[in-house]
Amino acid sequence: MNISSGKQSASALIYTGPCRLKSVVFVADVAKTPTITVADDLDGTDNTKAFGRACGGTEAAGGAVNFIMKWTKEDNLICDSGIYATLSAEEGDYVIEYERL
């Protein structure tokens, strides 16, 4: 069963324990370009599993360009320790979906 982190807006420990990373959705505010790093770790210092940048764009161009990554069970993106998400700046919002193992 997939579990959602819920909407997050800062670096955070999402889950502790073995799990499978299923998706990362990251959106930025207009004219902002933060990055997100998702790691198999409890403090975000090691073992990066996903990295991306959300580009806020301009209001005239329609606003945010979202960063979205999804993985299937066959991709087997296993996190042994847990999931920690690190934002480069406190701009934008993200949701991480995972499955407990």
PDB file of N, CA and C in Angstrom:
ATOM      1  N   MET A   1       0.830  -1.170   0.000  1.00  0.00           N
ATOM      2  CA  MET A   1       0.000   0.000   0.000  1.00  0.00           C
ATOM      3  C   MET A   1       0.884   1.247   0.000  1.00  0.00           C
ATOM      4  N   ASN A   2       0.565   2.205  -0.882  1.00  0.00           N
ATOM      5  CA  ASN A   2       1.309   3.453  -0.954  1.00  0.00           C
ATOM      6  C   ASN A   2       0.901   4.389   0.180  1.00  0.00           C
ATOM      7  N   ILE A   3       1.902   5.092   0.719  1.00  0.00           N
ATOM      8  CA  ILE A   3       1.685   6.042   1.800  1.00  0.00           C
ATOM      9  C   ILE A   3       2.225   7.390   1.345  1.00  0.00           C
ATOM     10  N   SER A   4       1.524   8.458   1.667  1.00  0.00           N
ATOM     11  CA  SER A   4       1.919   9.803   1.287  1.00  0.00           C
ATOM     12  C   SER A   4       2.514  10.538   2.480  1.00  0.00           C
ATOM     13  N   SER A   5       3.520  11.342   2.215  1.00  0.00           N
ATOM     14  CA  SER A   5       4.105  12.195   3.253  1.00  0.00           C
ATOM     15  C   SER A   5       3.171  13.341   3.609  1.00  0.00           C
ATOM     16  N   GLY A   6       2.194  13.591   2.766  1.00  0.00           N
ATOM     17  CA  GLY A   6       1.398  14.806   2.912  1.00  0.00           C
ATOM     18  C   GLY A   6       2.217  15.976   2.395  1.00  0.00           C
ATOM     19  N   LYS A   7       1.591  17.109   2.213  1.00  0.00           N
ATOM     20  CA  LYS A   7       2.298  18.285   1.697  1.00  0.00           C
ATOM     21  C   LYS A   7       3.341  18.760   2.706  1.00  0.00           C
ATOM     22  N   GLN A   8       4.588  18.879   2.241  1.00  0.00           N
ATOM     23  CA  GLN A   8       5.708  19.337   3.060  1.00  0.00           C
ATOM     24  C   GLN A   8       6.295  20.603   2.438  1.00  0.00           C
ATOM     25  N   SER A   9       6.882  21.466   3.263  1.00  0.00           N
ATOM     26  CA  SER A   9       7.460  22.700   2.719  1.00  0.00           C
ATOM     27  C   SER A   9       8.838  23.010   3.307  1.00  0.00           C
ATOM     28  N   ALA A  10       9.459  22.021   3.955  1.00  0.00           N
ATOM     29  CA  ALA A  10      10.799  22.184   4.516  1.00  0.00           C
ATOM     30  C   ALA A  10      11.501  20.828   4.504  1.00  0.00           C
ATOM     31  N   SER A  11      12.805  20.834   4.676  1.00  0.00           N
ATOM     32  CA  SER A  11      13.554  19.581   4.797  1.00  0.00           C
ATOM     33  C   SER A  11      12.985  18.787   5.963  1.00  0.00           C
ATOM     34  N   ALA A  12      12.870  17.452   5.777  1.00  0.00           N
ATOM     35  CA  ALA A  12      12.242  16.660   6.840  1.00  0.00           C
ATOM     36  C   ALA A  12      12.546  15.181   6.708  1.00  0.00           C
ATOM     37  N   LEU A  13      12.532  14.497   7.855  1.00  0.00           N
ATOM     38  CA  LEU A  13      12.555  13.040   7.892  1.00  0.00           C
ATOM     39  C   LEU A  13      11.136  12.586   7.587  1.00  0.00           C
ATOM     40  N   ILE A  14      10.969  11.843   6.502  1.00  0.00           N
ATOM     41  CA  ILE A  14       9.645  11.434   6.044  1.00  0.00           C
ATOM     42  C   ILE A  14       9.235  10.097   6.644  1.00  0.00           C
ATOM     43  N   TYR A  15      10.190   9.167   6.711  1.00  0.00           N
ATOM     44  CA  TYR A  15       9.864   7.827   7.211  1.00  0.00           C
ATOM     45  C   TYR A  15      11.136   7.177   7.739  1.00  0.00           C
ATOM     46  N   THR A  16      11.002   6.383   8.792  1.00  0.00           N
ATOM     47  CA  THR A  16      12.115   5.623   9.352  1.00  0.00           C
ATOM     48  C   THR A  16      11.812   4.143   9.176  1.00  0.00           C
ATOM     49  N   GLY A  17      12.745   3.436   8.537  1.00  0.00           N
ATOM     50  CA  GLY A  17      12.593   2.002   8.317  1.00  0.00           C
ATOM     51  C   GLY A  17      12.656   1.651   6.852  1.00  0.00           C
ATOM     52  N   PRO A  18      12.696   0.362   6.533  1.00  0.00           N
ATOM     53  CA  PRO A  18      12.780  -0.076   5.146  1.00  0.00           C
ATOM     54  C   PRO A  18      11.505   0.292   4.368  1.00  0.00           C
ATOM     55  N   CYS A  19      11.710   0.792   3.157  1.00  0.00           N
ATOM     56  CA  CYS A  19      10.575   1.174   2.323  1.00  0.00           C
ATOM     57  C   CYS A  19      11.013   1.237   0.858  1.00  0.00           C
ATOM     58  N   ARG A  20      10.036   1.386  -0.016  1.00  0.00           N
ATOM     59  CA  ARG A  20      10.275   1.530  -1.458  1.00  0.00           C
ATOM     60  C   ARG A  20       9.791   2.917  -1.857  1.00  0.00           C
ATOM     61  N   LEU A  21      10.675   3.717  -2.442  1.00  0.00           N
ATOM     62  CA  LEU A  21      10.317   5.050  -2.917  1.00  0.00           C
ATOM     63  C   LEU A  21       9.462   4.906  -4.168  1.00  0.00           C
ATOM     64  N   LYS A  22       8.286   5.550  -4.166  1.00  0.00           N
ATOM     65  CA  LYS A  22       7.341   5.405  -5.282  1.00  0.00           C
ATOM     66  C   LYS A  22       7.250   6.671  -6.146  1.00  0.00           C
ATOM     67  N   SER A  23       7.237   7.858  -5.535  1.00  0.00           N
ATOM     68  CA  SER A  23       7.168   9.081  -6.333  1.00  0.00           C
ATOM     69  C   SER A  23       7.568  10.298  -5.521  1.00  0.00           C
ATOM     70  N   VAL A  24       8.001  11.328  -6.247  1.00  0.00           N
ATOM     71  CA  VAL A  24       8.309  12.627  -5.671  1.00  0.00           C
ATOM     72  C   VAL A  24       7.661  13.672  -6.565  1.00  0.00           C
ATOM     73  N   VAL A  25       6.859  14.541  -5.981  1.00  0.00           N
ATOM     74  CA  VAL A  25       6.250  15.667  -6.696  1.00  0.00           C
ATOM     75  C   VAL A  25       6.721  16.924  -5.983  1.00  0.00           C
ATOM     76  N   PHE A  26       7.289  17.855  -6.734  1.00  0.00           N
ATOM     77  CA  PHE A  26       7.880  19.065  -6.157  1.00  0.00           C
ATOM     78  C   PHE A  26       7.469  20.258  -7.003  1.00  0.00           C
ATOM     79  N   VAL A  27       6.883  21.261  -6.409  1.00  0.00           N
ATOM     80  CA  VAL A  27       6.464  22.469  -7.136  1.00  0.00           C
ATOM     81  C   VAL A  27       7.083  23.688  -6.468  1.00  0.00           C
ATOM     82  N   ALA A  28       7.425  24.668  -7.292  1.00  0.00           N
ATOM     83  CA  ALA A  28       8.041  25.887  -6.771  1.00  0.00           C
ATOM     84  C   ALA A  28       7.127  27.077  -6.993  1.00  0.00           C
ATOM     85  N   ASP A  29       7.329  28.089  -6.176  1.00  0.00           N
ATOM     86  CA  ASP A  29       6.613  29.341  -6.333  1.00  0.00           C
ATOM     87  C   ASP A  29       7.133  30.071  -7.572  1.00  0.00           C
ATOM     88  N   VAL A  30       6.373  31.030  -8.054  1.00  0.00           N
ATOM     89  CA  VAL A  30       6.757  31.799  -9.228  1.00  0.00           C
ATOM     90  C   VAL A  30       8.140  32.417  -9.026  1.00  0.00           C
ATOM     91  N   ALA A  31       8.989  32.276 -10.044  1.00  0.00           N
ATOM     92  CA  ALA A  31      10.344  32.836 -10.098  1.00  0.00           C
ATOM     93  C   ALA A  31      11.315  32.221  -9.086  1.00  0.00           C
ATOM     94  N   LYS A  32      11.029  31.037  -8.561  1.00  0.00           N
ATOM     95  CA  LYS A  32      11.928  30.350  -7.632  1.00  0.00           C
ATOM     96  C   LYS A  32      12.458  29.077  -8.292  1.00  0.00           C
ATOM     97  N   THR A  33      13.675  28.660  -7.946  1.00  0.00           N
ATOM     98  CA  THR A  33      14.276  27.457  -8.537  1.00  0.00           C
ATOM     99  C   THR A  33      14.965  26.583  -7.487  1.00  0.00           C
ATOM    100  N   PRO A  34      14.258  26.172  -6.440  1.00  0.00           N
ATOM    101  CA  PRO A  34      14.876  25.322  -5.424  1.00  0.00           C
ATOM    102  C   PRO A  34      15.094  23.896  -5.936  1.00  0.00           C
ATOM    103  N   THR A  35      15.926  23.150  -5.222  1.00  0.00           N
ATOM    104  CA  THR A  35      16.139  21.735  -5.531  1.00  0.00           C
ATOM    105  C   THR A  35      15.662  20.887  -4.369  1.00  0.00           C
ATOM    106  N   ILE A  36      15.394  19.615  -4.673  1.00  0.00           N
ATOM    107  CA  ILE A  36      15.051  18.643  -3.646  1.00  0.00           C
ATOM    108  C   ILE A  36      15.978  17.438  -3.824  1.00  0.00           C
ATOM    109  N   THR A  37      16.486  16.932  -2.706  1.00  0.00           N
ATOM    110  CA  THR A  37      17.286  15.712  -2.685  1.00  0.00           C
ATOM    111  C   THR A  37      16.585  14.737  -1.746  1.00  0.00           C
ATOM    112  N   VAL A  38      16.323  13.530  -2.236  1.00  0.00           N
ATOM    113  CA  VAL A  38      15.675  12.501  -1.424  1.00  0.00           C
ATOM    114  C   VAL A  38      16.710  11.411  -1.184  1.00  0.00           C
ATOM    115  N   ALA A  39      16.965  11.122   0.096  1.00  0.00           N
ATOM    116  CA  ALA A  39      18.024  10.186   0.454  1.00  0.00           C
ATOM    117  C   ALA A  39      17.501   9.024   1.289  1.00  0.00           C
ATOM    118  N   ASP A  40      18.196   7.884   1.148  1.00  0.00           N
ATOM    119  CA  ASP A  40      17.978   6.718   2.004  1.00  0.00           C
ATOM    120  C   ASP A  40      18.822   6.953   3.241  1.00  0.00           C
ATOM    121  N   ASP A  41      18.280   7.728   4.164  1.00  0.00           N
ATOM    122  CA  ASP A  41      19.068   8.178   5.301  1.00  0.00           C
ATOM    123  C   ASP A  41      18.127   8.774   6.342  1.00  0.00           C
ATOM    124  N   LEU A  42      18.621   9.003   7.536  1.00  0.00           N
ATOM    125  CA  LEU A  42      17.798   9.595   8.596  1.00  0.00           C
ATOM    126  C   LEU A  42      18.102  11.067   8.823  1.00  0.00           C
ATOM    127  N   ASP A  43      19.163  11.578   8.154  1.00  0.00           N
ATOM    128  CA  ASP A  43      19.478  13.002   8.321  1.00  0.00           C
ATOM    129  C   ASP A  43      19.867  13.692   7.013  1.00  0.00           C
ATOM    130  N   GLY A  44      19.745  12.992   5.877  1.00  0.00           N
ATOM    131  CA  GLY A  44      19.982  13.598   4.581  1.00  0.00           C
ATOM    132  C   GLY A  44      21.422  13.762   4.179  1.00  0.00           C
ATOM    133  N   THR A  45      22.350  13.086   4.849  1.00  0.00           N
ATOM    134  CA  THR A  45      23.769  13.271   4.549  1.00  0.00           C
ATOM    135  C   THR A  45      24.356  12.240   3.589  1.00  0.00           C
ATOM    136  N   ASP A  46      23.600  11.200   3.235  1.00  0.00           N
ATOM    137  CA  ASP A  46      24.203  10.123   2.457  1.00  0.00           C
ATOM    138  C   ASP A  46      23.161   9.411   1.606  1.00  0.00           C
ATOM    139  N   ASN A  47      23.629   8.707   0.562  1.00  0.00           N
ATOM    140  CA  ASN A  47      22.833   7.767  -0.226  1.00  0.00           C
ATOM    141  C   ASN A  47      21.629   8.394  -0.949  1.00  0.00           C
ATOM    142  N   THR A  48      21.913   9.340  -1.821  1.00  0.00           N
ATOM    143  CA  THR A  48      20.869  10.008  -2.597  1.00  0.00           C
ATOM    144  C   THR A  48      20.144   9.027  -3.503  1.00  0.00           C
ATOM    145  N   LYS A  49      18.816   9.070  -3.467  1.00  0.00           N
ATOM    146  CA  LYS A  49      17.977   8.228  -4.325  1.00  0.00           C
ATOM    147  C   LYS A  49      17.328   9.034  -5.448  1.00  0.00           C
ATOM    148  N   ALA A  50      17.060  10.321  -5.221  1.00  0.00           N
ATOM    149  CA  ALA A  50      16.427  11.165  -6.239  1.00  0.00           C
ATOM    150  C   ALA A  50      16.861  12.605  -6.031  1.00  0.00           C
ATOM    151  N   PHE A  51      16.958  13.346  -7.131  1.00  0.00           N
ATOM    152  CA  PHE A  51      17.332  14.757  -7.092  1.00  0.00           C
ATOM    153  C   PHE A  51      16.605  15.470  -8.212  1.00  0.00           C
ATOM    154  N   GLY A  52      16.094  16.655  -7.951  1.00  0.00           N
ATOM    155  CA  GLY A  52      15.438  17.413  -9.008  1.00  0.00           C
ATOM    156  C   GLY A  52      15.280  18.869  -8.655  1.00  0.00           C
ATOM    157  N   ARG A  53      14.965  19.662  -9.669  1.00  0.00           N
ATOM    158  CA  ARG A  53      14.767  21.099  -9.495  1.00  0.00           C
ATOM    159  C   ARG A  53      13.383  21.459 -10.015  1.00  0.00           C
ATOM    160  N   ALA A  54      12.656  22.241  -9.224  1.00  0.00           N
ATOM    161  CA  ALA A  54      11.386  22.794  -9.677  1.00  0.00           C
ATOM    162  C   ALA A  54      11.651  24.243 -10.061  1.00  0.00           C
ATOM    163  N   CYS A  55      11.230  24.628 -11.252  1.00  0.00           N
ATOM    164  CA  CYS A  55      11.470  25.990 -11.725  1.00  0.00           C
ATOM    165  C   CYS A  55      10.163  26.755 -11.713  1.00  0.00           C
ATOM    166  N   GLY A  56      10.109  27.810 -10.944  1.00  0.00           N
ATOM    167  CA  GLY A  56       8.885  28.573 -10.767  1.00  0.00           C
ATOM    168  C   GLY A  56       8.395  29.291 -12.003  1.00  0.00           C
ATOM    169  N   GLY A  57       9.256  29.505 -12.990  1.00  0.00           N
ATOM    170  CA  GLY A  57       8.825  30.201 -14.196  1.00  0.00           C
ATOM    171  C   GLY A  57       8.371  31.615 -13.894  1.00  0.00           C
ATOM    172  N   THR A  58       7.593  32.182 -14.801  1.00  0.00           N
ATOM    173  CA  THR A  58       7.040  33.520 -14.606  1.00  0.00           C
ATOM    174  C   THR A  58       5.528  33.438 -14.693  1.00  0.00           C
ATOM    175  N   GLU A  59       4.858  34.400 -14.096  1.00  0.00           N
ATOM    176  CA  GLU A  59       3.398  34.400 -14.163  1.00  0.00           C
ATOM    177  C   GLU A  59       2.925  34.486 -15.607  1.00  0.00           C
ATOM    178  N   ALA A  60       3.622  35.272 -16.427  1.00  0.00           N
ATOM    179  CA  ALA A  60       3.232  35.429 -17.836  1.00  0.00           C
ATOM    180  C   ALA A  60       3.327  34.110 -18.598  1.00  0.00           C
ATOM    181  N   ALA A  61       4.260  33.247 -18.187  1.00  0.00           N
ATOM    182  CA  ALA A  61       4.444  31.959 -18.866  1.00  0.00           C
ATOM    183  C   ALA A  61       3.624  30.850 -18.215  1.00  0.00           C
ATOM    184  N   GLY A  62       2.779  31.181 -17.252  1.00  0.00           N
ATOM    185  CA  GLY A  62       1.916  30.183 -16.634  1.00  0.00           C
ATOM    186  C   GLY A  62       2.368  29.691 -15.281  1.00  0.00           C
ATOM    187  N   GLY A  63       3.476  30.247 -14.746  1.00  0.00           N
ATOM    188  CA  GLY A  63       3.894  29.879 -13.391  1.00  0.00           C
ATOM    189  C   GLY A  63       4.821  28.685 -13.335  1.00  0.00           C
ATOM    190  N   ALA A  64       4.581  27.811 -12.373  1.00  0.00           N
ATOM    191  CA  ALA A  64       5.521  26.753 -12.014  1.00  0.00           C
ATOM    192  C   ALA A  64       5.681  25.676 -13.075  1.00  0.00           C
ATOM    193  N   VAL A  65       6.897  25.178 -13.168  1.00  0.00           N
ATOM    194  CA  VAL A  65       7.206  23.959 -13.901  1.00  0.00           C
ATOM    195  C   VAL A  65       7.516  22.931 -12.816  1.00  0.00           C
ATOM    196  N   ASN A  66       6.720  21.909 -12.725  1.00  0.00           N
ATOM    197  CA  ASN A  66       6.822  20.961 -11.625  1.00  0.00           C
ATOM    198  C   ASN A  66       7.846  19.867 -11.899  1.00  0.00           C
ATOM    199  N   PHE A  67       8.455  19.390 -10.826  1.00  0.00           N
ATOM    200  CA  PHE A  67       9.353  18.242 -10.879  1.00  0.00           C
ATOM    201  C   PHE A  67       8.553  17.044 -10.388  1.00  0.00           C
ATOM    202  N   ILE A  68       8.385  16.033 -11.237  1.00  0.00           N
ATOM    203  CA  ILE A  68       7.626  14.842 -10.871  1.00  0.00           C
ATOM    204  C   ILE A  68       8.406  13.618 -11.302  1.00  0.00           C
ATOM    205  N   MET A  69       8.643  12.704 -10.364  1.00  0.00           N
ATOM    206  CA  MET A  69       9.279  11.428 -10.701  1.00  0.00           C
ATOM    207  C   MET A  69       8.456  10.317 -10.087  1.00  0.00           C
ATOM    208  N   LYS A  70       8.220   9.255 -10.874  1.00  0.00           N
ATOM    209  CA  LYS A  70       7.481   8.091 -10.380  1.00  0.00           C
ATOM    210  C   LYS A  70       8.272   6.839 -10.711  1.00  0.00           C
ATOM    211  N   TRP A  71       8.227   5.885  -9.791  1.00  0.00           N
ATOM    212  CA  TRP A  71       8.908   4.613  -9.999  1.00  0.00           C
ATOM    213  C   TRP A  71       7.914   3.476  -9.798  1.00  0.00           C
ATOM    214  N   THR A  72       8.123   2.390 -10.501  1.00  0.00           N
ATOM    215  CA  THR A  72       7.259   1.214 -10.362  1.00  0.00           C
ATOM    216  C   THR A  72       7.910   0.216  -9.410  1.00  0.00           C
ATOM    217  N   LYS A  73       7.176  -0.799  -9.047  1.00  0.00           N
ATOM    218  CA  LYS A  73       7.716  -1.847  -8.186  1.00  0.00           C
ATOM    219  C   LYS A  73       8.923  -2.505  -8.853  1.00  0.00           C
ATOM    220  N   GLU A  74       8.897  -2.587 -10.185  1.00  0.00           N
ATOM    221  CA  GLU A  74      10.003  -3.205 -10.920  1.00  0.00           C
ATOM    222  C   GLU A  74      11.281  -2.374 -10.838  1.00  0.00           C
ATOM    223  N   ASP A  75      11.142  -1.057 -10.654  1.00  0.00           N
ATOM    224  CA  ASP A  75      12.329  -0.209 -10.486  1.00  0.00           C
ATOM    225  C   ASP A  75      13.038  -0.512  -9.173  1.00  0.00           C
ATOM    226  N   ASN A  76      12.269  -1.003  -8.192  1.00  0.00           N
ATOM    227  CA  ASN A  76      12.807  -1.478  -6.920  1.00  0.00           C
ATOM    228  C   ASN A  76      13.724  -0.462  -6.244  1.00  0.00           C
ATOM    229  N   LEU A  77      13.254   0.762  -6.101  1.00  0.00           N
ATOM    230  CA  LEU A  77      14.026   1.823  -5.474  1.00  0.00           C
ATOM    231  C   LEU A  77      13.861   1.728  -3.954  1.00  0.00           C
ATOM    232  N   ILE A  78      14.656   0.831  -3.360  1.00  0.00           N
ATOM    233  CA  ILE A  78      14.555   0.486  -1.939  1.00  0.00           C
ATOM    234  C   ILE A  78      15.381   1.458  -1.093  1.00  0.00           C
ATOM    235  N   CYS A  79      14.794   1.898   0.003  1.00  0.00           N
ATOM    236  CA  CYS A  79      15.491   2.685   1.017  1.00  0.00           C
ATOM    237  C   CYS A  79      15.561   1.812   2.267  1.00  0.00           C
ATOM    238  N   ASP A  80      16.762   1.458   2.695  1.00  0.00           N
ATOM    239  CA  ASP A  80      16.938   0.567   3.845  1.00  0.00           C
ATOM    240  C   ASP A  80      16.738   1.273   5.183  1.00  0.00           C
ATOM    241  N   SER A  81      17.202   2.522   5.294  1.00  0.00           N
ATOM    242  CA  SER A  81      17.138   3.249   6.560  1.00  0.00           C
ATOM    243  C   SER A  81      15.855   4.048   6.731  1.00  0.00           C
ATOM    244  N   GLY A  82      15.406   4.642   5.644  1.00  0.00           N
ATOM    245  CA  GLY A  82      14.245   5.518   5.685  1.00  0.00           C
ATOM    246  C   GLY A  82      14.328   6.528   4.568  1.00  0.00           C
ATOM    247  N   ILE A  83      13.517   7.573   4.661  1.00  0.00           N
ATOM    248  CA  ILE A  83      13.500   8.615   3.630  1.00  0.00           C
ATOM    249  C   ILE A  83      13.663   9.973   4.295  1.00  0.00           C
ATOM    250  N   TYR A  84      14.657  10.731   3.806  1.00  0.00           N
ATOM    251  CA  TYR A  84      14.865  12.101   4.260  1.00  0.00           C
ATOM    252  C   TYR A  84      14.881  13.000   3.038  1.00  0.00           C
ATOM    253  N   ALA A  85      14.108  14.069   3.063  1.00  0.00           N
ATOM    254  CA  ALA A  85      14.056  15.024   1.955  1.00  0.00           C
ATOM    255  C   ALA A  85      14.734  16.323   2.373  1.00  0.00           C
ATOM    256  N   THR A  86      15.634  16.818   1.522  1.00  0.00           N
ATOM    257  CA  THR A  86      16.350  18.053   1.788  1.00  0.00           C
ATOM    258  C   THR A  86      16.022  19.064   0.703  1.00  0.00           C
ATOM    259  N   LEU A  87      15.546  20.238   1.099  1.00  0.00           N
ATOM    260  CA  LEU A  87      15.304  21.334   0.161  1.00  0.00           C
ATOM    261  C   LEU A  87      16.490  22.279   0.194  1.00  0.00           C
ATOM    262  N   SER A  88      16.849  22.838  -0.969  1.00  0.00           N
ATOM    263  CA  SER A  88      17.963  23.784  -1.024  1.00  0.00           C
ATOM    264  C   SER A  88      17.578  25.125  -0.399  1.00  0.00           C
ATOM    265  N   ALA A  89      16.291  25.416  -0.378  1.00  0.00           N
ATOM    266  CA  ALA A  89      15.773  26.638   0.242  1.00  0.00           C
ATOM    267  C   ALA A  89      14.335  26.349   0.647  1.00  0.00           C
ATOM    268  N   GLU A  90      13.820  27.075   1.588  1.00  0.00           N
ATOM    269  CA  GLU A  90      12.439  26.832   2.008  1.00  0.00           C
ATOM    270  C   GLU A  90      11.486  27.553   1.056  1.00  0.00           C
ATOM    271  N   GLU A  91      11.460  27.043  -0.165  1.00  0.00           N
ATOM    272  CA  GLU A  91      10.599  27.566  -1.224  1.00  0.00           C
ATOM    273  C   GLU A  91       9.969  26.376  -1.916  1.00  0.00           C
ATOM    274  N   GLY A  92       8.699  26.423  -2.143  1.00  0.00           N
ATOM    275  CA  GLY A  92       8.017  25.345  -2.824  1.00  0.00           C
ATOM    276  C   GLY A  92       7.493  24.295  -1.863  1.00  0.00           C
ATOM    277  N   ASP A  93       6.769  23.344  -2.434  1.00  0.00           N
ATOM    278  CA  ASP A  93       6.145  22.273  -1.654  1.00  0.00           C
ATOM    279  C   ASP A  93       6.403  20.938  -2.343  1.00  0.00           C
ATOM    280  N   TYR A  94       6.372  19.860  -1.555  1.00  0.00           N
ATOM    281  CA  TYR A  94       6.570  18.537  -2.129  1.00  0.00           C
ATOM    282  C   TYR A  94       5.709  17.502  -1.417  1.00  0.00           C
ATOM    283  N   VAL A  95       5.502  16.395  -2.131  1.00  0.00           N
ATOM    284  CA  VAL A  95       4.834  15.217  -1.585  1.00  0.00           C
ATOM    285  C   VAL A  95       5.653  14.013  -2.017  1.00  0.00           C
ATOM    286  N   ILE A  96       5.964  13.136  -1.064  1.00  0.00           N
ATOM    287  CA  ILE A  96       6.692  11.909  -1.366  1.00  0.00           C
ATOM    288  C   ILE A  96       5.762  10.740  -1.081  1.00  0.00           C
ATOM    289  N   GLU A  97       5.719   9.810  -2.023  1.00  0.00           N
ATOM    290  CA  GLU A  97       4.903   8.624  -1.858  1.00  0.00           C
ATOM    291  C   GLU A  97       5.843   7.420  -1.733  1.00  0.00           C
ATOM    292  N   TYR A  98       5.536   6.537  -0.774  1.00  0.00           N
ATOM    293  CA  TYR A  98       6.398   5.374  -0.538  1.00  0.00           C
ATOM    294  C   TYR A  98       5.546   4.193  -0.086  1.00  0.00           C
ATOM    295  N   GLU A  99       6.191   3.037  -0.059  1.00  0.00           N
ATOM    296  CA  GLU A  99       5.537   1.807   0.396  1.00  0.00           C
ATOM    297  C   GLU A  99       6.405   1.206   1.497  1.00  0.00           C
ATOM    298  N   ARG A 100       5.815   0.889   2.652  1.00  0.00           N
ATOM    299  CA  ARG A 100       6.561   0.231   3.735  1.00  0.00           C
ATOM    300  C   ARG A 100       6.888  -1.198   3.333  1.00  0.00           C
ATOM    301  N   LEU A 101       8.064  -1.654   3.728  1.00  0.00           N
ATOM    302  CA  LEU A 101       8.463  -3.041   3.444  1.00  0.00           C
ATOM    303  C   LEU A 101       8.567  -3.836   4.744  1.00  0.00           C
TER     304      LEU A 101
END
